Amino acid sequence: RIARLREAWGIAPGQRVVLQAARLTRWKGHLHTIEAAGLLKARGLLGHAVFIFAGDTQGREDYRAELDAEIAAAGLTGIVRLVGHCDDIPAAFTLADIAVVASTRAETFGRTSIESQAAACPVIVTDVGAASENVVPQVAGDSFTGWVVPAANSVALADCLGDALTVSPQRLAGIGRRARSHVREHFALREMQRATLAVYDELLCTELANSFRSFNSF
């Protein structure tokens, strides 16, 4: 599955992949990612990395045309690639070295920040809504699982991407392993169920969460 995506997207062996998996709509921040990639190119820090925008246009052809124009204007043709809908997101995040969630406004949850970490792919998220709560940020030291940058700030995103792209494959893999463990511990279905029951316990003075934990220990 990974090899199939690598071939479809034209990823060369050893080429680093930055993946932004999001439908093509303006508030997902694609334009800021393009600008950040352009800044990295100007600084000579892009190397052989490619940026993959995986997402459906959902009829927003004008926005796609705008993205294509910005990519060409920045001299990023072939570096930033709009590949359309991806029907195998687990394989996509496994293929990627770094994921980007560049949303400029708060989402209700922002599932891709969890999906990427579940696939052991470190993620850069913008500091809007709950996104920054879905990662262990770099200020936590060696336990961090992802980076947090200000929203709609292409310079900050470029700075962060520049740092992330210089991380060795071994260290990046270590961050990915921590990210996967973080998701297993905090975002698995069973943990969501337990946490929801704990809210009921707080309101109703019940012991539902403890009962649930005991039931699932068998």
N, C-alpha and C. Protein backbone atom coordinates (compact mmCIF):
# COMPACT_ATOMS: atom_id res chain seq x y z
N ARG A 1 0.83 -1.21 0.00
CA ARG A 1 0.00 0.00 0.00
C ARG A 1 0.86 1.26 0.00
N ILE A 2 1.93 1.25 0.80
CA ILE A 2 2.83 2.40 0.85
C ILE A 2 3.55 2.56 -0.48
N ALA A 3 4.03 1.43 -1.03
CA ALA A 3 4.72 1.48 -2.31
C ALA A 3 3.80 1.99 -3.41
N ARG A 4 2.52 1.64 -3.34
CA ARG A 4 1.56 2.09 -4.35
C ARG A 4 1.40 3.61 -4.30
N LEU A 5 1.32 4.17 -3.08
CA LEU A 5 1.22 5.62 -2.95
C LEU A 5 2.51 6.30 -3.38
N ARG A 6 3.64 5.71 -3.01
CA ARG A 6 4.93 6.28 -3.39
C ARG A 6 5.03 6.40 -4.92
N GLU A 7 4.58 5.36 -5.62
CA GLU A 7 4.62 5.39 -7.07
C GLU A 7 3.63 6.39 -7.64
N ALA A 8 2.42 6.41 -7.07
CA ALA A 8 1.38 7.31 -7.58
C ALA A 8 1.77 8.77 -7.40
N TRP A 9 2.46 9.07 -6.31
CA TRP A 9 2.83 10.45 -6.01
C TRP A 9 4.22 10.83 -6.51
N GLY A 10 4.92 9.87 -7.12
CA GLY A 10 6.23 10.16 -7.68
C GLY A 10 7.29 10.45 -6.63
N ILE A 11 7.25 9.73 -5.51
CA ILE A 11 8.21 9.92 -4.43
C ILE A 11 9.45 9.08 -4.70
N ALA A 12 10.60 9.72 -4.77
CA ALA A 12 11.85 9.00 -5.04
C ALA A 12 12.36 8.35 -3.75
N PRO A 13 13.14 7.27 -3.87
CA PRO A 13 13.71 6.64 -2.68
C PRO A 13 14.53 7.64 -1.85
N GLY A 14 14.29 7.65 -0.55
CA GLY A 14 15.03 8.53 0.33
C GLY A 14 14.53 9.96 0.37
N GLN A 15 13.51 10.27 -0.42
CA GLN A 15 12.99 11.64 -0.46
C GLN A 15 12.06 11.89 0.73
N ARG A 16 12.28 12.98 1.43
CA ARG A 16 11.44 13.29 2.59
C ARG A 16 10.10 13.85 2.14
N VAL A 17 9.05 13.45 2.85
CA VAL A 17 7.69 13.79 2.48
C VAL A 17 7.03 14.57 3.61
N VAL A 18 6.53 15.76 3.28
CA VAL A 18 5.71 16.55 4.20
C VAL A 18 4.28 16.43 3.70
N LEU A 19 3.40 15.89 4.53
CA LEU A 19 2.02 15.61 4.10
C LEU A 19 1.03 16.52 4.80
N GLN A 20 0.22 17.20 4.01
CA GLN A 20 -0.93 17.93 4.54
C GLN A 20 -2.18 17.26 4.01
N ALA A 21 -2.83 16.49 4.87
CA ALA A 21 -4.02 15.75 4.48
C ALA A 21 -5.25 16.56 4.91
N ALA A 22 -5.85 17.23 3.96
CA ALA A 22 -6.99 18.10 4.28
C ALA A 22 -7.73 18.43 3.00
N ARG A 23 -9.04 18.51 3.08
CA ARG A 23 -9.79 18.92 1.90
C ARG A 23 -9.36 20.33 1.48
N LEU A 24 -9.51 20.62 0.21
CA LEU A 24 -9.05 21.91 -0.30
C LEU A 24 -10.08 23.00 0.02
N THR A 25 -9.86 23.63 1.14
CA THR A 25 -10.66 24.78 1.53
C THR A 25 -9.73 25.77 2.21
N ARG A 26 -9.99 27.05 2.06
CA ARG A 26 -9.03 28.09 2.41
C ARG A 26 -8.56 28.03 3.86
N TRP A 27 -9.48 27.74 4.79
CA TRP A 27 -9.09 27.82 6.20
C TRP A 27 -8.22 26.65 6.65
N LYS A 28 -7.98 25.69 5.75
CA LYS A 28 -7.04 24.61 6.07
C LYS A 28 -5.58 25.07 5.95
N GLY A 29 -5.36 26.28 5.41
CA GLY A 29 -4.03 26.88 5.48
C GLY A 29 -3.04 26.45 4.43
N HIS A 30 -3.52 25.90 3.30
CA HIS A 30 -2.59 25.46 2.26
C HIS A 30 -1.68 26.58 1.77
N LEU A 31 -2.23 27.79 1.66
CA LEU A 31 -1.45 28.91 1.15
C LEU A 31 -0.28 29.24 2.07
N HIS A 32 -0.47 29.07 3.37
CA HIS A 32 0.62 29.30 4.31
C HIS A 32 1.69 28.22 4.19
N THR A 33 1.26 27.00 3.91
CA THR A 33 2.24 25.93 3.71
C THR A 33 3.05 26.16 2.46
N ILE A 34 2.39 26.63 1.40
CA ILE A 34 3.11 26.95 0.16
C ILE A 34 4.13 28.06 0.42
N GLU A 35 3.71 29.10 1.12
CA GLU A 35 4.62 30.20 1.41
C GLU A 35 5.79 29.73 2.27
N ALA A 36 5.50 28.86 3.24
CA ALA A 36 6.57 28.32 4.08
C ALA A 36 7.57 27.52 3.25
N ALA A 37 7.07 26.71 2.32
CA ALA A 37 7.95 25.93 1.44
C ALA A 37 8.81 26.86 0.59
N GLY A 38 8.21 27.95 0.13
CA GLY A 38 8.97 28.92 -0.65
C GLY A 38 10.07 29.58 0.16
N LEU A 39 9.79 29.87 1.42
CA LEU A 39 10.81 30.44 2.30
C LEU A 39 11.95 29.46 2.51
N LEU A 40 11.61 28.19 2.70
CA LEU A 40 12.66 27.18 2.88
C LEU A 40 13.52 27.07 1.62
N LYS A 41 12.89 27.13 0.47
CA LYS A 41 13.65 27.07 -0.78
C LYS A 41 14.60 28.25 -0.89
N ALA A 42 14.11 29.44 -0.54
CA ALA A 42 14.94 30.64 -0.62
C ALA A 42 16.12 30.56 0.35
N ARG A 43 15.93 29.90 1.47
CA ARG A 43 17.00 29.76 2.46
C ARG A 43 17.94 28.59 2.14
N GLY A 44 17.61 27.82 1.13
CA GLY A 44 18.42 26.66 0.79
C GLY A 44 18.25 25.51 1.76
N LEU A 45 17.08 25.43 2.40
CA LEU A 45 16.85 24.41 3.42
C LEU A 45 15.84 23.36 2.99
N LEU A 46 15.38 23.44 1.76
CA LEU A 46 14.34 22.52 1.32
C LEU A 46 14.88 21.14 1.01
N GLY A 47 16.14 21.08 0.58
CA GLY A 47 16.70 19.79 0.21
C GLY A 47 15.90 19.14 -0.90
N HIS A 48 15.67 17.83 -0.75
CA HIS A 48 14.90 17.10 -1.75
C HIS A 48 13.48 16.80 -1.26
N ALA A 49 13.03 17.52 -0.25
CA ALA A 49 11.71 17.26 0.31
C ALA A 49 10.61 17.64 -0.68
N VAL A 50 9.50 16.91 -0.60
CA VAL A 50 8.30 17.25 -1.37
C VAL A 50 7.15 17.44 -0.40
N PHE A 51 6.23 18.31 -0.80
CA PHE A 51 5.04 18.60 -0.02
C PHE A 51 3.84 18.02 -0.75
N ILE A 52 3.11 17.15 -0.08
CA ILE A 52 1.94 16.50 -0.67
C ILE A 52 0.68 17.07 -0.05
N PHE A 53 -0.17 17.65 -0.89
CA PHE A 53 -1.49 18.08 -0.45
C PHE A 53 -2.48 17.00 -0.87
N ALA A 54 -2.94 16.20 0.07
CA ALA A 54 -3.87 15.12 -0.21
C ALA A 54 -5.26 15.52 0.28
N GLY A 55 -6.15 15.80 -0.66
CA GLY A 55 -7.49 16.21 -0.27
C GLY A 55 -8.34 16.53 -1.48
N ASP A 56 -9.62 16.30 -1.33
CA ASP A 56 -10.58 16.53 -2.41
C ASP A 56 -10.88 18.03 -2.54
N THR A 57 -11.13 18.48 -3.76
CA THR A 57 -11.51 19.88 -3.97
C THR A 57 -12.93 20.15 -3.49
N GLN A 58 -13.78 19.12 -3.48
CA GLN A 58 -15.19 19.28 -3.12
C GLN A 58 -15.84 20.42 -3.91
N GLY A 59 -15.45 20.53 -5.18
CA GLY A 59 -16.05 21.54 -6.05
C GLY A 59 -15.37 22.90 -6.01
N ARG A 60 -14.34 23.04 -5.19
CA ARG A 60 -13.67 24.35 -5.07
C ARG A 60 -12.56 24.46 -6.11
N GLU A 61 -12.92 24.44 -7.37
CA GLU A 61 -11.93 24.47 -8.44
C GLU A 61 -11.20 25.80 -8.50
N ASP A 62 -11.87 26.90 -8.14
CA ASP A 62 -11.21 28.19 -8.13
C ASP A 62 -10.09 28.22 -7.10
N TYR A 63 -10.33 27.60 -5.96
CA TYR A 63 -9.30 27.57 -4.92
C TYR A 63 -8.13 26.70 -5.37
N ARG A 64 -8.42 25.58 -5.99
CA ARG A 64 -7.33 24.74 -6.51
C ARG A 64 -6.51 25.51 -7.53
N ALA A 65 -7.18 26.24 -8.42
CA ALA A 65 -6.46 27.03 -9.42
C ALA A 65 -5.57 28.08 -8.74
N GLU A 66 -6.07 28.66 -7.66
CA GLU A 66 -5.27 29.63 -6.91
C GLU A 66 -4.04 28.97 -6.30
N LEU A 67 -4.21 27.77 -5.76
CA LEU A 67 -3.07 27.05 -5.18
C LEU A 67 -2.05 26.73 -6.28
N ASP A 68 -2.52 26.26 -7.43
CA ASP A 68 -1.62 25.95 -8.54
C ASP A 68 -0.83 27.19 -8.95
N ALA A 69 -1.51 28.34 -8.99
CA ALA A 69 -0.84 29.59 -9.38
C ALA A 69 0.20 29.99 -8.36
N GLU A 70 -0.11 29.84 -7.07
CA GLU A 70 0.84 30.20 -6.01
C GLU A 70 2.05 29.27 -6.04
N ILE A 71 1.81 28.00 -6.29
CA ILE A 71 2.92 27.03 -6.38
C ILE A 71 3.85 27.41 -7.52
N ALA A 72 3.29 27.73 -8.67
CA ALA A 72 4.10 28.11 -9.82
C ALA A 72 4.86 29.41 -9.57
N ALA A 73 4.18 30.39 -8.97
CA ALA A 73 4.81 31.68 -8.71
C ALA A 73 5.97 31.56 -7.74
N ALA A 74 5.89 30.61 -6.81
CA ALA A 74 6.95 30.41 -5.83
C ALA A 74 8.06 29.52 -6.34
N GLY A 75 7.94 29.05 -7.59
CA GLY A 75 8.95 28.16 -8.14
C GLY A 75 8.94 26.79 -7.50
N LEU A 76 7.76 26.34 -7.09
CA LEU A 76 7.64 25.08 -6.35
C LEU A 76 6.93 23.99 -7.16
N THR A 77 6.80 24.19 -8.45
CA THR A 77 6.17 23.17 -9.28
C THR A 77 6.95 21.87 -9.18
N GLY A 78 6.24 20.79 -8.89
CA GLY A 78 6.88 19.49 -8.70
C GLY A 78 7.36 19.26 -7.27
N ILE A 79 7.46 20.34 -6.51
CA ILE A 79 7.85 20.21 -5.09
C ILE A 79 6.61 20.16 -4.21
N VAL A 80 5.66 21.06 -4.46
CA VAL A 80 4.36 21.01 -3.79
C VAL A 80 3.38 20.38 -4.77
N ARG A 81 2.80 19.25 -4.39
CA ARG A 81 1.98 18.46 -5.31
C ARG A 81 0.57 18.29 -4.77
N LEU A 82 -0.41 18.64 -5.59
CA LEU A 82 -1.81 18.41 -5.25
C LEU A 82 -2.21 17.07 -5.85
N VAL A 83 -2.41 16.08 -4.98
CA VAL A 83 -2.63 14.71 -5.48
C VAL A 83 -4.09 14.29 -5.41
N GLY A 84 -4.96 15.18 -4.93
CA GLY A 84 -6.38 14.85 -4.87
C GLY A 84 -6.71 13.96 -3.69
N HIS A 85 -7.87 13.32 -3.77
CA HIS A 85 -8.36 12.48 -2.69
C HIS A 85 -7.45 11.28 -2.46
N CYS A 86 -7.21 10.96 -1.20
CA CYS A 86 -6.44 9.76 -0.84
C CYS A 86 -7.36 8.82 -0.07
N ASP A 87 -7.50 7.59 -0.57
CA ASP A 87 -8.39 6.64 0.08
C ASP A 87 -7.66 5.70 1.03
N ASP A 88 -6.38 5.99 1.32
CA ASP A 88 -5.62 5.16 2.25
C ASP A 88 -4.77 6.06 3.14
N ILE A 89 -5.44 6.77 4.03
CA ILE A 89 -4.76 7.72 4.91
C ILE A 89 -3.76 7.04 5.84
N PRO A 90 -4.03 5.85 6.40
CA PRO A 90 -3.00 5.21 7.23
C PRO A 90 -1.69 5.00 6.48
N ALA A 91 -1.77 4.53 5.22
CA ALA A 91 -0.56 4.35 4.43
C ALA A 91 0.10 5.69 4.12
N ALA A 92 -0.72 6.72 3.88
CA ALA A 92 -0.17 8.04 3.56
C ALA A 92 0.65 8.59 4.72
N PHE A 93 0.12 8.49 5.93
CA PHE A 93 0.86 9.00 7.08
C PHE A 93 2.07 8.12 7.41
N THR A 94 1.98 6.85 7.10
CA THR A 94 3.14 5.98 7.31
C THR A 94 4.24 6.31 6.32
N LEU A 95 3.87 6.68 5.10
CA LEU A 95 4.84 7.09 4.09
C LEU A 95 5.49 8.42 4.45
N ALA A 96 4.71 9.33 5.05
CA ALA A 96 5.20 10.69 5.32
C ALA A 96 6.24 10.71 6.44
N ASP A 97 7.12 11.69 6.35
CA ASP A 97 8.09 11.93 7.42
C ASP A 97 7.54 12.91 8.44
N ILE A 98 6.81 13.91 7.95
CA ILE A 98 6.25 14.96 8.80
C ILE A 98 4.85 15.28 8.28
N ALA A 99 3.90 15.43 9.20
CA ALA A 99 2.56 15.86 8.83
C ALA A 99 2.37 17.32 9.24
N VAL A 100 1.53 18.03 8.50
CA VAL A 100 1.23 19.42 8.80
C VAL A 100 -0.27 19.59 8.91
N VAL A 101 -0.71 20.21 10.00
CA VAL A 101 -2.10 20.64 10.16
C VAL A 101 -2.04 22.16 10.29
N ALA A 102 -2.31 22.86 9.19
CA ALA A 102 -2.07 24.31 9.13
C ALA A 102 -3.34 25.13 9.24
N SER A 103 -4.36 24.58 9.86
CA SER A 103 -5.66 25.26 9.93
C SER A 103 -5.53 26.66 10.54
N THR A 104 -6.30 27.59 9.99
CA THR A 104 -6.25 28.97 10.47
C THR A 104 -7.40 29.30 11.42
N ARG A 105 -8.31 28.36 11.61
CA ARG A 105 -9.37 28.56 12.60
C ARG A 105 -9.62 27.24 13.30
N ALA A 106 -10.25 27.33 14.46
CA ALA A 106 -10.43 26.16 15.30
C ALA A 106 -11.35 25.13 14.64
N GLU A 107 -10.95 23.86 14.76
CA GLU A 107 -11.80 22.76 14.35
C GLU A 107 -12.45 22.16 15.59
N THR A 108 -13.50 21.40 15.38
CA THR A 108 -14.13 20.75 16.53
C THR A 108 -13.19 19.77 17.21
N PHE A 109 -12.33 19.14 16.44
CA PHE A 109 -11.34 18.22 17.03
C PHE A 109 -10.04 18.22 16.23
N GLY A 110 -10.11 18.02 14.95
CA GLY A 110 -8.90 17.96 14.13
C GLY A 110 -8.30 16.57 14.14
N ARG A 111 -8.98 15.64 13.49
CA ARG A 111 -8.63 14.23 13.58
C ARG A 111 -7.26 13.91 12.97
N THR A 112 -6.83 14.67 11.96
CA THR A 112 -5.59 14.30 11.29
C THR A 112 -4.37 14.42 12.21
N SER A 113 -4.45 15.29 13.21
CA SER A 113 -3.32 15.37 14.15
C SER A 113 -3.19 14.09 14.97
N ILE A 114 -4.30 13.40 15.18
CA ILE A 114 -4.28 12.12 15.88
C ILE A 114 -3.91 10.99 14.93
N GLU A 115 -4.48 11.01 13.73
CA GLU A 115 -4.20 9.96 12.75
C GLU A 115 -2.72 9.90 12.40
N SER A 116 -2.11 11.06 12.24
CA SER A 116 -0.69 11.08 11.89
C SER A 116 0.14 10.47 13.01
N GLN A 117 -0.14 10.86 14.25
CA GLN A 117 0.62 10.32 15.38
C GLN A 117 0.37 8.82 15.54
N ALA A 118 -0.85 8.38 15.28
CA ALA A 118 -1.15 6.96 15.36
C ALA A 118 -0.31 6.15 14.37
N ALA A 119 0.06 6.79 13.26
CA ALA A 119 0.90 6.15 12.26
C ALA A 119 2.38 6.42 12.52
N ALA A 120 2.70 6.94 13.71
CA ALA A 120 4.10 7.23 14.11
C ALA A 120 4.72 8.30 13.22
N CYS A 121 3.89 9.25 12.78
CA CYS A 121 4.36 10.36 11.96
C CYS A 121 4.29 11.64 12.80
N PRO A 122 5.42 12.25 13.14
CA PRO A 122 5.39 13.50 13.90
C PRO A 122 4.63 14.58 13.15
N VAL A 123 3.98 15.48 13.89
CA VAL A 123 3.08 16.43 13.25
C VAL A 123 3.37 17.85 13.74
N ILE A 124 3.19 18.80 12.84
CA ILE A 124 3.21 20.22 13.16
C ILE A 124 1.78 20.71 13.11
N VAL A 125 1.30 21.30 14.21
CA VAL A 125 -0.07 21.80 14.25
C VAL A 125 -0.05 23.30 14.55
N THR A 126 -1.11 23.98 14.15
CA THR A 126 -1.25 25.39 14.50
C THR A 126 -1.99 25.52 15.83
N ASP A 127 -1.71 26.60 16.51
CA ASP A 127 -2.22 26.79 17.87
C ASP A 127 -3.62 27.40 17.83
N VAL A 128 -4.57 26.63 17.31
CA VAL A 128 -5.97 27.06 17.29
C VAL A 128 -6.83 25.90 17.79
N GLY A 129 -7.87 26.23 18.53
CA GLY A 129 -8.77 25.21 19.03
C GLY A 129 -8.04 24.17 19.87
N ALA A 130 -8.45 22.92 19.68
CA ALA A 130 -7.89 21.82 20.47
C ALA A 130 -6.64 21.21 19.86
N ALA A 131 -6.22 21.72 18.69
CA ALA A 131 -5.11 21.06 17.98
C ALA A 131 -3.86 20.94 18.84
N SER A 132 -3.52 22.01 19.55
CA SER A 132 -2.29 21.99 20.34
C SER A 132 -2.40 21.04 21.54
N GLU A 133 -3.64 20.69 21.93
CA GLU A 133 -3.84 19.75 23.03
C GLU A 133 -3.69 18.30 22.58
N ASN A 134 -3.62 18.09 21.27
CA ASN A 134 -3.53 16.73 20.74
C ASN A 134 -2.11 16.23 20.62
N VAL A 135 -1.13 17.10 20.88
CA VAL A 135 0.27 16.70 20.82
C VAL A 135 0.94 17.04 22.15
N VAL A 136 2.07 16.39 22.41
CA VAL A 136 2.93 16.80 23.51
C VAL A 136 3.93 17.79 22.91
N PRO A 137 3.85 19.09 23.24
CA PRO A 137 4.64 20.10 22.55
C PRO A 137 6.13 20.04 22.89
N GLN A 138 6.92 20.74 22.10
CA GLN A 138 8.37 20.68 22.25
C GLN A 138 8.85 21.22 23.59
N VAL A 139 8.06 22.10 24.21
CA VAL A 139 8.45 22.64 25.52
C VAL A 139 8.51 21.54 26.57
N ALA A 140 7.93 20.37 26.26
CA ALA A 140 7.96 19.25 27.21
C ALA A 140 9.30 18.53 27.19
N GLY A 141 10.23 19.00 26.35
CA GLY A 141 11.55 18.37 26.31
C GLY A 141 11.56 17.14 25.43
N ASP A 142 12.32 16.14 25.86
CA ASP A 142 12.51 14.95 25.02
C ASP A 142 11.27 14.09 24.87
N SER A 143 10.20 14.40 25.59
CA SER A 143 8.97 13.60 25.48
C SER A 143 8.03 14.12 24.40
N PHE A 144 8.42 15.18 23.69
CA PHE A 144 7.47 15.80 22.77
C PHE A 144 7.14 14.88 21.59
N THR A 145 5.92 15.06 21.06
CA THR A 145 5.45 14.23 19.95
C THR A 145 5.12 15.07 18.72
N GLY A 146 5.20 16.38 18.83
CA GLY A 146 4.88 17.24 17.70
C GLY A 146 5.17 18.69 18.02
N TRP A 147 5.09 19.52 16.99
CA TRP A 147 5.41 20.93 17.12
C TRP A 147 4.13 21.76 17.04
N VAL A 148 4.12 22.90 17.72
CA VAL A 148 2.98 23.82 17.69
C VAL A 148 3.49 25.17 17.21
N VAL A 149 2.81 25.74 16.19
CA VAL A 149 3.18 27.04 15.65
C VAL A 149 1.96 27.95 15.63
N PRO A 150 2.17 29.27 15.63
CA PRO A 150 1.02 30.18 15.52
C PRO A 150 0.27 29.97 14.22
N ALA A 151 -1.02 30.17 14.26
CA ALA A 151 -1.84 30.02 13.05
C ALA A 151 -1.59 31.16 12.08
N ALA A 152 -1.71 30.86 10.78
CA ALA A 152 -1.59 31.86 9.72
C ALA A 152 -0.27 32.61 9.77
N ASN A 153 0.78 31.91 10.17
CA ASN A 153 2.10 32.51 10.29
C ASN A 153 3.08 31.67 9.47
N SER A 154 3.27 32.07 8.22
CA SER A 154 4.09 31.28 7.29
C SER A 154 5.55 31.24 7.71
N VAL A 155 6.03 32.33 8.30
CA VAL A 155 7.43 32.38 8.73
C VAL A 155 7.67 31.39 9.86
N ALA A 156 6.77 31.37 10.84
CA ALA A 156 6.91 30.43 11.96
C ALA A 156 6.82 28.99 11.47
N LEU A 157 5.91 28.75 10.51
CA LEU A 157 5.78 27.39 9.96
C LEU A 157 7.05 27.00 9.22
N ALA A 158 7.63 27.94 8.45
CA ALA A 158 8.87 27.66 7.74
C ALA A 158 10.00 27.36 8.72
N ASP A 159 10.09 28.14 9.78
CA ASP A 159 11.13 27.91 10.79
C ASP A 159 11.01 26.52 11.38
N CYS A 160 9.76 26.14 11.70
CA CYS A 160 9.53 24.84 12.32
C CYS A 160 9.83 23.70 11.34
N LEU A 161 9.36 23.86 10.11
CA LEU A 161 9.63 22.84 9.09
C LEU A 161 11.13 22.72 8.83
N GLY A 162 11.83 23.85 8.82
CA GLY A 162 13.27 23.81 8.61
C GLY A 162 13.97 23.01 9.69
N ASP A 163 13.53 23.20 10.95
CA ASP A 163 14.10 22.42 12.06
C ASP A 163 13.75 20.94 11.92
N ALA A 164 12.48 20.67 11.62
CA ALA A 164 12.02 19.28 11.55
C ALA A 164 12.71 18.51 10.42
N LEU A 165 12.95 19.18 9.31
CA LEU A 165 13.56 18.50 8.16
C LEU A 165 15.04 18.22 8.37
N THR A 166 15.63 18.86 9.37
CA THR A 166 17.05 18.57 9.67
C THR A 166 17.21 17.48 10.72
N VAL A 167 16.10 17.05 11.32
CA VAL A 167 16.18 15.98 12.31
C VAL A 167 16.57 14.68 11.61
N SER A 168 17.45 13.93 12.22
CA SER A 168 17.89 12.68 11.61
C SER A 168 16.74 11.68 11.52
N PRO A 169 16.77 10.77 10.54
CA PRO A 169 15.71 9.76 10.44
C PRO A 169 15.54 8.96 11.72
N GLN A 170 16.63 8.67 12.42
CA GLN A 170 16.56 7.89 13.66
C GLN A 170 15.81 8.66 14.75
N ARG A 171 16.16 9.94 14.89
CA ARG A 171 15.49 10.75 15.92
C ARG A 171 14.04 10.99 15.54
N LEU A 172 13.77 11.21 14.26
CA LEU A 172 12.39 11.40 13.82
C LEU A 172 11.57 10.15 14.10
N ALA A 173 12.16 8.98 13.90
CA ALA A 173 11.46 7.72 14.20
C ALA A 173 11.17 7.62 15.69
N GLY A 174 12.08 8.10 16.53
CA GLY A 174 11.84 8.08 17.97
C GLY A 174 10.69 8.98 18.36
N ILE A 175 10.61 10.16 17.75
CA ILE A 175 9.47 11.06 17.99
C ILE A 175 8.19 10.37 17.56
N GLY A 176 8.23 9.69 16.42
CA GLY A 176 7.05 8.98 15.92
C GLY A 176 6.59 7.89 16.86
N ARG A 177 7.54 7.15 17.43
CA ARG A 177 7.15 6.09 18.38
C ARG A 177 6.48 6.68 19.61
N ARG A 178 7.00 7.80 20.10
CA ARG A 178 6.36 8.46 21.25
C ARG A 178 4.96 8.94 20.88
N ALA A 179 4.84 9.46 19.66
CA ALA A 179 3.54 9.95 19.21
C ALA A 179 2.51 8.83 19.18
N ARG A 180 2.92 7.68 18.68
CA ARG A 180 2.00 6.54 18.61
C ARG A 180 1.59 6.09 20.03
N SER A 181 2.53 6.06 20.94
CA SER A 181 2.22 5.69 22.33
C SER A 181 1.29 6.72 22.97
N HIS A 182 1.52 8.00 22.65
CA HIS A 182 0.68 9.08 23.17
C HIS A 182 -0.77 8.90 22.73
N VAL A 183 -0.96 8.55 21.47
CA VAL A 183 -2.32 8.35 20.96
C VAL A 183 -2.96 7.13 21.59
N ARG A 184 -2.20 6.05 21.71
CA ARG A 184 -2.75 4.84 22.33
C ARG A 184 -3.21 5.11 23.76
N GLU A 185 -2.45 5.92 24.48
CA GLU A 185 -2.75 6.17 25.89
C GLU A 185 -3.92 7.12 26.07
N HIS A 186 -4.04 8.12 25.19
CA HIS A 186 -5.00 9.20 25.44
C HIS A 186 -6.17 9.24 24.47
N PHE A 187 -6.06 8.63 23.29
CA PHE A 187 -7.09 8.82 22.28
C PHE A 187 -7.68 7.53 21.73
N ALA A 188 -7.38 6.41 22.36
CA ALA A 188 -8.00 5.16 21.94
C ALA A 188 -9.49 5.18 22.29
N LEU A 189 -10.27 4.37 21.61
CA LEU A 189 -11.72 4.33 21.83
C LEU A 189 -12.04 4.03 23.29
N ARG A 190 -11.35 3.06 23.87
CA ARG A 190 -11.64 2.68 25.25
C ARG A 190 -11.38 3.83 26.22
N GLU A 191 -10.32 4.59 25.98
CA GLU A 191 -10.02 5.73 26.84
C GLU A 191 -11.06 6.82 26.68
N MET A 192 -11.55 7.04 25.47
CA MET A 192 -12.61 8.02 25.25
C MET A 192 -13.87 7.62 26.01
N GLN A 193 -14.19 6.33 25.97
CA GLN A 193 -15.37 5.85 26.68
C GLN A 193 -15.21 6.06 28.19
N ARG A 194 -14.03 5.71 28.71
CA ARG A 194 -13.79 5.87 30.15
C ARG A 194 -13.88 7.34 30.56
N ALA A 195 -13.28 8.23 29.78
CA ALA A 195 -13.29 9.65 30.10
C ALA A 195 -14.70 10.22 30.05
N THR A 196 -15.50 9.75 29.09
CA THR A 196 -16.89 10.21 29.01
C THR A 196 -17.67 9.78 30.24
N LEU A 197 -17.49 8.53 30.65
CA LEU A 197 -18.16 8.06 31.86
C LEU A 197 -17.71 8.83 33.09
N ALA A 198 -16.44 9.25 33.12
CA ALA A 198 -15.93 10.01 34.26
C ALA A 198 -16.65 11.35 34.39
N VAL A 199 -17.05 11.93 33.27
CA VAL A 199 -17.81 13.18 33.32
C VAL A 199 -19.18 12.92 33.97
N TYR A 200 -19.83 11.82 33.58
CA TYR A 200 -21.10 11.46 34.21
C TYR A 200 -20.91 11.23 35.71
N ASP A 201 -19.79 10.60 36.08
CA ASP A 201 -19.53 10.37 37.50
C ASP A 201 -19.44 11.68 38.27
N GLU A 202 -18.78 12.65 37.66
CA GLU A 202 -18.61 13.95 38.32
C GLU A 202 -19.95 14.65 38.52
N LEU A 203 -20.86 14.48 37.56
CA LEU A 203 -22.15 15.15 37.63
C LEU A 203 -23.16 14.39 38.50
N LEU A 204 -23.09 13.07 38.48
CA LEU A 204 -24.13 12.25 39.10
C LEU A 204 -23.66 11.50 40.34
N CYS A 205 -22.35 11.67 40.69
CA CYS A 205 -21.79 10.96 41.85
C CYS A 205 -21.93 9.45 41.70
N THR A 206 -21.65 8.96 40.51
CA THR A 206 -21.70 7.52 40.24
C THR A 206 -20.28 6.98 40.16
N GLU A 207 -20.16 5.68 39.87
CA GLU A 207 -18.86 5.02 39.76
C GLU A 207 -18.76 4.29 38.41
N LEU A 208 -19.32 4.91 37.38
CA LEU A 208 -19.38 4.26 36.08
C LEU A 208 -17.99 4.01 35.49
N ALA A 209 -17.09 4.98 35.63
CA ALA A 209 -15.76 4.83 35.04
C ALA A 209 -15.00 3.68 35.69
N ASN A 210 -15.11 3.56 37.02
CA ASN A 210 -14.44 2.46 37.71
C ASN A 210 -15.02 1.12 37.31
N SER A 211 -16.34 1.06 37.17
CA SER A 211 -16.98 -0.17 36.75
C SER A 211 -16.55 -0.54 35.34
N PHE A 212 -16.46 0.46 34.48
CA PHE A 212 -16.03 0.22 33.10
C PHE A 212 -14.59 -0.30 33.08
N ARG A 213 -13.73 0.28 33.91
CA ARG A 213 -12.35 -0.15 33.97
C ARG A 213 -12.25 -1.59 34.46
N SER A 214 -13.04 -1.91 35.47
CA SER A 214 -13.02 -3.28 36.03
C SER A 214 -13.55 -4.27 35.00
N PHE A 215 -14.61 -3.89 34.29
CA PHE A 215 -15.20 -4.78 33.30
C PHE A 215 -14.20 -5.08 32.19
N ASN A 216 -13.44 -4.04 31.78
CA ASN A 216 -12.51 -4.22 30.65
C ASN A 216 -11.18 -4.81 31.06
N SER A 217 -11.00 -5.09 32.35
CA SER A 217 -9.75 -5.70 32.79
C SER A 217 -9.80 -7.21 32.66
N PHE A 218 -11.01 -7.77 32.43
CA PHE A 218 -11.13 -9.23 32.32
C PHE A 218 -10.63 -9.68 30.96
